[in-house]
Amino acid sequence: MSEFKGIHREVLEDGTIKHVLVRDETGHEQAMAAKDYISDGIQPDLNDLPEVPTDREFPQSGKDNG
């Protein structure tokens, strides 16, 4: 398994963490559930990651995701 580093956590309007964005040593980024981030022991600590607000609970499909 790759070594990951936390980038930021996306937080919904109600304060719920949608997911955590992580990057591996090759620069590949992926979204990960907060519970998986914690259980995998990825650094920095979840509470130390910057928050990025989002208003979409689910990803948008199609070309125009903006």
Foldseek 3Di string as FASTA:
>chain_A
DFAKAWAAFEAEPVGHTLFTWIAGPVGDIDTHHPVVCVVVPHDDDRVPGHYDYDHDSDFDDDDPRD
